[in-house]
Amino acid sequence: MPPVPRRFGTEGGITPTDIAEARKELGRHLAQWRAVAGLRQVDLAKLIRYSRSQIANVEVGRDNTTRVFWRNADAALGARGALLSMSDQVRALVQDFQAQRDHARDQVRQQAGTPSTPPISPVLACPAACACGPAVVGRWTTREIRALREALRMSPRAFSEHLGMTIATVSSWEHRTTPALDEQSVLDQALTAADSHSKARFWLLLDDPEGPIPGAHDHPAAARRPTATPIHHANRIRPAS
């Protein structure tokens, strides 16, 4: 894999195109390792418990998916850490880009002499290929997990394969079993890797007060109060729980 594009703090900065190209290059390396192993996309999908379409999307740079995916793919293809290391570089690039945007936004506020409040709209619009919209979840509960699965348009089985978890584990999350901290980290990665359309659906589902929440009908107040915290969402900030 060629050197990762410009890091934050260097002249010119990081662009959404840099991120999209880095993801495409990472996908090409996955395809090359798969070809060397003599595997079809469907063969690799079965080995690491993902769908063939997810493998195809990753190989063309449309989906960076989670670190669990790259760890499993790396092991299945005998890449000896090469693919996992490359995916970590791309993830670091995305984080640097987000820091760069935050820095640029703060500079604009300082020059304008305005208080540090969220802008009405994002400072920099990203193409769908970037898929790096700022969104974090303070604590994953039934509502956030269900919203993420529906935003990704996945069945419980497909969602469990996407996360590299058993379907029983994922099903328990949607019925009032709080994920462990390492499992919440996997959900964080899935949200970060989601494309811009999926993230938009995620917020719409959380903002819908009529949305059903499995297992939470006896707690209407909790059902209406999502714990997801956008860094900047419309013209308001929602504090983390």
Protein backbone atom coordinates (compact mmCIF):
# COMPACT_ATOMS: atom_id res chain seq x y z
CA MET A 1 0.00 0.00 0.00
CA PRO A 2 1.45 3.41 -0.92
CA PRO A 3 2.19 5.83 1.92
CA VAL A 4 -0.98 7.09 3.54
CA PRO A 5 -1.93 10.56 2.18
CA ARG A 6 -0.90 13.76 3.95
CA ARG A 7 -1.27 13.75 7.72
CA PHE A 8 -2.93 16.52 9.71
CA GLY A 9 -0.57 19.43 10.23
CA THR A 10 1.23 19.15 6.90
CA GLU A 11 0.85 21.64 4.10
CA GLY A 12 -2.37 21.24 2.16
CA GLY A 13 -4.08 19.06 4.74
CA ILE A 14 -6.20 15.96 4.17
CA THR A 15 -9.11 15.99 1.74
CA PRO A 16 -12.14 13.70 1.42
CA THR A 17 -10.61 12.52 -1.85
CA ASP A 18 -7.50 11.38 0.05
CA ILE A 19 -9.68 9.25 2.30
CA ALA A 20 -11.70 7.79 -0.57
CA GLU A 21 -8.51 6.90 -2.47
CA ALA A 22 -6.91 5.34 0.62
CA ARG A 23 -9.98 3.15 1.10
CA LYS A 24 -9.94 2.10 -2.55
CA GLU A 25 -6.27 1.19 -2.26
CA LEU A 26 -6.97 -0.84 0.87
CA GLY A 27 -9.78 -2.63 -0.96
CA ARG A 28 -7.45 -3.44 -3.86
CA HIS A 29 -5.00 -5.03 -1.45
CA LEU A 30 -7.77 -7.17 0.02
CA ALA A 31 -8.69 -8.36 -3.48
CA GLN A 32 -5.04 -9.16 -4.23
CA TRP A 33 -4.58 -11.16 -1.03
CA ARG A 34 -7.83 -13.02 -1.77
CA ALA A 35 -6.68 -13.83 -5.31
CA VAL A 36 -3.32 -15.13 -4.04
CA ALA A 37 -5.20 -17.39 -1.62
CA GLY A 38 -7.27 -18.72 -4.53
CA LEU A 39 -10.55 -17.66 -2.96
CA ARG A 40 -13.67 -16.17 -4.49
CA GLN A 41 -15.50 -13.37 -2.71
CA VAL A 42 -18.15 -15.85 -1.58
CA ASP A 43 -15.45 -18.18 -0.20
CA LEU A 44 -13.87 -15.43 1.88
CA ALA A 45 -17.30 -14.29 3.04
CA LYS A 46 -18.05 -17.76 4.41
CA LEU A 47 -14.68 -17.99 6.15
CA ILE A 48 -15.07 -14.72 8.05
CA ARG A 49 -18.89 -14.81 8.38
CA TYR A 50 -19.69 -11.76 6.28
CA SER A 51 -21.83 -11.46 3.16
CA ARG A 52 -20.36 -11.61 -0.35
CA SER A 53 -21.76 -8.15 -1.10
CA GLN A 54 -19.88 -6.72 1.88
CA ILE A 55 -16.63 -8.21 0.57
CA ALA A 56 -17.37 -6.71 -2.85
CA ASN A 57 -18.10 -3.27 -1.38
CA VAL A 58 -14.91 -3.28 0.68
CA GLU A 59 -12.81 -4.28 -2.33
CA VAL A 60 -13.98 -1.24 -4.31
CA GLY A 61 -13.60 1.15 -1.36
CA ARG A 62 -17.30 1.70 -0.68
CA ASP A 63 -17.18 0.27 2.83
CA ASN A 64 -14.27 0.38 5.27
CA THR A 65 -16.25 -1.81 7.74
CA THR A 66 -14.95 -2.61 11.24
CA ARG A 67 -11.59 -3.61 12.67
CA VAL A 68 -13.06 -7.03 13.46
CA PHE A 69 -13.59 -7.55 9.72
CA TRP A 70 -9.97 -6.70 8.92
CA ARG A 71 -8.61 -8.85 11.73
CA ASN A 72 -10.62 -11.85 10.51
CA ALA A 73 -9.78 -11.26 6.85
CA ASP A 74 -6.10 -10.84 7.68
CA ALA A 75 -6.06 -14.18 9.53
CA ALA A 76 -8.10 -16.02 6.88
CA LEU A 77 -5.82 -14.85 4.05
CA GLY A 78 -2.56 -15.33 5.93
CA ALA A 79 -1.63 -11.66 5.55
CA ARG A 80 0.32 -11.71 8.84
CA GLY A 81 -0.99 -8.35 10.01
CA ALA A 82 -0.49 -6.49 6.71
CA LEU A 83 -4.18 -5.91 6.01
CA LEU A 84 -4.97 -5.07 9.63
CA SER A 85 -2.12 -2.55 9.71
CA MET A 86 -3.32 -0.92 6.50
CA SER A 87 -6.86 -0.64 7.81
CA ASP A 88 -5.53 1.01 10.99
CA GLN A 89 -3.67 3.55 8.84
CA VAL A 90 -6.85 4.42 6.96
CA ARG A 91 -8.77 4.71 10.24
CA ALA A 92 -6.07 7.03 11.59
CA LEU A 93 -6.31 9.11 8.43
CA VAL A 94 -10.06 9.54 8.95
CA GLN A 95 -9.46 10.59 12.56
CA ASP A 96 -6.87 13.13 11.42
CA PHE A 97 -9.32 14.50 8.88
CA GLN A 98 -11.95 14.95 11.58
CA ALA A 99 -9.38 16.73 13.78
CA GLN A 100 -8.46 18.92 10.83
CA ARG A 101 -12.11 19.91 10.30
CA ASP A 102 -12.54 20.67 14.00
CA HIS A 103 -9.37 22.79 13.96
CA ALA A 104 -10.54 24.71 10.88
CA ARG A 105 -13.95 25.29 12.46
CA ASP A 106 -12.37 26.60 15.67
CA GLN A 107 -10.16 28.97 13.69
CA VAL A 108 -13.19 30.39 11.89
CA ARG A 109 -14.94 30.95 15.22
CA GLN A 110 -11.91 32.65 16.74
CA GLN A 111 -11.51 34.96 13.75
CA ALA A 112 -15.19 35.83 13.89
CA GLY A 113 -15.03 36.41 17.65
CA THR A 114 -18.05 34.18 18.25
CA PRO A 115 -18.54 31.73 21.13
CA SER A 116 -17.74 28.09 20.54
CA THR A 117 -21.15 26.79 19.48
CA PRO A 118 -22.05 24.28 16.80
CA PRO A 119 -22.47 25.70 13.28
CA ILE A 120 -25.87 25.55 11.60
CA SER A 121 -24.45 23.16 9.02
CA PRO A 122 -21.22 21.16 8.71
CA VAL A 123 -18.17 23.23 7.82
CA LEU A 124 -17.11 20.84 5.09
CA ALA A 125 -19.44 18.58 3.14
CA CYS A 126 -18.04 15.12 2.50
CA PRO A 127 -18.90 12.88 -0.45
CA ALA A 128 -20.61 9.57 0.26
CA ALA A 129 -17.33 7.76 -0.41
CA CYS A 130 -15.76 9.49 2.58
CA ALA A 131 -18.33 8.15 5.07
CA CYS A 132 -16.71 10.03 7.93
CA GLY A 133 -19.53 12.13 9.33
CA PRO A 134 -18.92 13.00 12.99
CA ALA A 135 -21.11 10.91 15.28
CA VAL A 136 -20.48 9.26 18.61
CA VAL A 137 -22.61 7.32 21.08
CA GLY A 138 -22.07 7.86 24.78
CA ARG A 139 -23.52 4.48 25.77
CA TRP A 140 -25.04 1.87 23.48
CA THR A 141 -28.54 0.89 24.61
CA THR A 142 -31.33 -1.08 22.98
CA ARG A 143 -32.54 1.99 21.11
CA GLU A 144 -29.19 2.95 19.58
CA ILE A 145 -28.37 -0.62 18.59
CA ARG A 146 -31.74 -1.16 16.92
CA ALA A 147 -31.43 2.21 15.15
CA LEU A 148 -27.97 1.33 13.82
CA ARG A 149 -29.11 -2.04 12.48
CA GLU A 150 -32.15 -0.53 10.77
CA ALA A 151 -30.08 2.37 9.42
CA LEU A 152 -27.72 -0.15 7.81
CA ARG A 153 -30.77 -1.95 6.35
CA MET A 154 -29.67 -5.27 7.84
CA SER A 155 -31.51 -8.23 9.28
CA PRO A 156 -30.39 -9.42 12.74
CA ARG A 157 -28.37 -12.21 11.10
CA ALA A 158 -26.68 -9.89 8.57
CA PHE A 159 -25.99 -7.36 11.33
CA SER A 160 -24.37 -10.01 13.53
CA GLU A 161 -22.17 -11.12 10.62
CA HIS A 162 -21.28 -7.48 9.92
CA LEU A 163 -20.12 -7.06 13.52
CA GLY A 164 -18.42 -10.44 13.73
CA MET A 165 -20.72 -11.47 16.60
CA THR A 166 -23.12 -14.37 17.09
CA ILE A 167 -26.75 -13.71 16.29
CA ALA A 168 -27.67 -14.69 19.86
CA THR A 169 -25.40 -11.95 21.23
CA VAL A 170 -26.78 -9.27 18.93
CA SER A 171 -30.36 -10.36 19.61
CA SER A 172 -29.75 -10.06 23.36
CA TRP A 173 -28.55 -6.47 22.86
CA GLU A 174 -31.92 -5.59 21.33
CA HIS A 175 -33.69 -7.04 24.36
CA ARG A 176 -32.20 -5.01 27.20
CA THR A 177 -28.81 -6.73 27.61
CA THR A 178 -26.16 -4.00 27.76
CA PRO A 179 -23.12 -4.78 25.56
CA ALA A 180 -19.77 -5.15 27.33
CA LEU A 181 -17.24 -2.35 26.81
CA ASP A 182 -15.31 -4.23 24.12
CA GLU A 183 -18.59 -5.00 22.36
CA GLN A 184 -19.57 -1.32 22.52
CA SER A 185 -16.26 -0.56 20.83
CA VAL A 186 -17.28 -2.83 17.93
CA LEU A 187 -20.55 -0.88 17.62
CA ASP A 188 -18.57 2.39 17.67
CA GLN A 189 -16.50 1.14 14.75
CA ALA A 190 -19.59 0.08 12.81
CA LEU A 191 -21.13 3.55 13.21
CA THR A 192 -17.88 5.28 12.21
CA ALA A 193 -17.55 3.08 9.12
CA ALA A 194 -21.17 3.63 8.01
CA ASP A 195 -21.75 5.75 4.93
CA SER A 196 -23.32 9.20 5.12
CA HIS A 197 -26.79 7.96 4.12
CA SER A 198 -26.78 5.29 6.84
CA LYS A 199 -25.71 7.87 9.44
CA ALA A 200 -28.51 10.18 8.32
CA ARG A 201 -31.02 7.34 8.74
CA PHE A 202 -29.50 6.57 12.17
CA TRP A 203 -30.27 10.11 13.40
CA LEU A 204 -33.76 10.08 11.89
CA LEU A 205 -34.57 6.81 13.64
CA LEU A 206 -33.29 8.13 16.97
CA ASP A 207 -35.24 11.36 16.58
CA ASP A 208 -38.49 9.47 15.93
CA PRO A 209 -40.40 9.46 19.25
CA GLU A 210 -42.83 6.87 17.85
CA GLY A 211 -40.09 4.39 16.99
CA PRO A 212 -40.63 1.01 18.71
CA ILE A 213 -37.99 -0.13 21.16
CA PRO A 214 -37.99 -3.88 21.85
CA GLY A 215 -38.21 -4.65 25.56
CA ALA A 216 -38.55 -1.02 26.63
CA HIS A 217 -42.32 -0.51 26.56
CA ASP A 218 -42.46 -0.26 30.34
CA HIS A 219 -40.02 2.65 30.37
CA PRO A 220 -41.50 5.33 28.08
CA ALA A 221 -39.19 8.06 29.36
CA ALA A 222 -36.08 6.03 28.62
CA ALA A 223 -37.50 5.04 25.25
CA ARG A 224 -37.73 8.64 24.16
CA ARG A 225 -34.26 9.61 25.31
CA PRO A 226 -31.46 8.45 23.00
CA THR A 227 -27.89 8.49 24.30
CA ALA A 228 -26.28 9.12 20.93
CA THR A 229 -24.31 12.35 20.87
CA PRO A 230 -23.57 14.05 17.54
CA ILE A 231 -20.54 16.34 17.60
CA HIS A 232 -22.65 18.79 15.65
CA HIS A 233 -26.21 17.90 14.69
CA ALA A 234 -28.43 20.62 13.18
CA ASN A 235 -28.24 23.63 15.50
CA ARG A 236 -27.97 21.94 18.84
CA ILE A 237 -25.76 19.70 20.96
CA ARG A 238 -27.18 16.74 22.82
CA PRO A 239 -25.10 16.01 25.97
CA ALA A 240 -23.80 12.49 26.41
CA SER A 241 -25.52 10.40 29.06
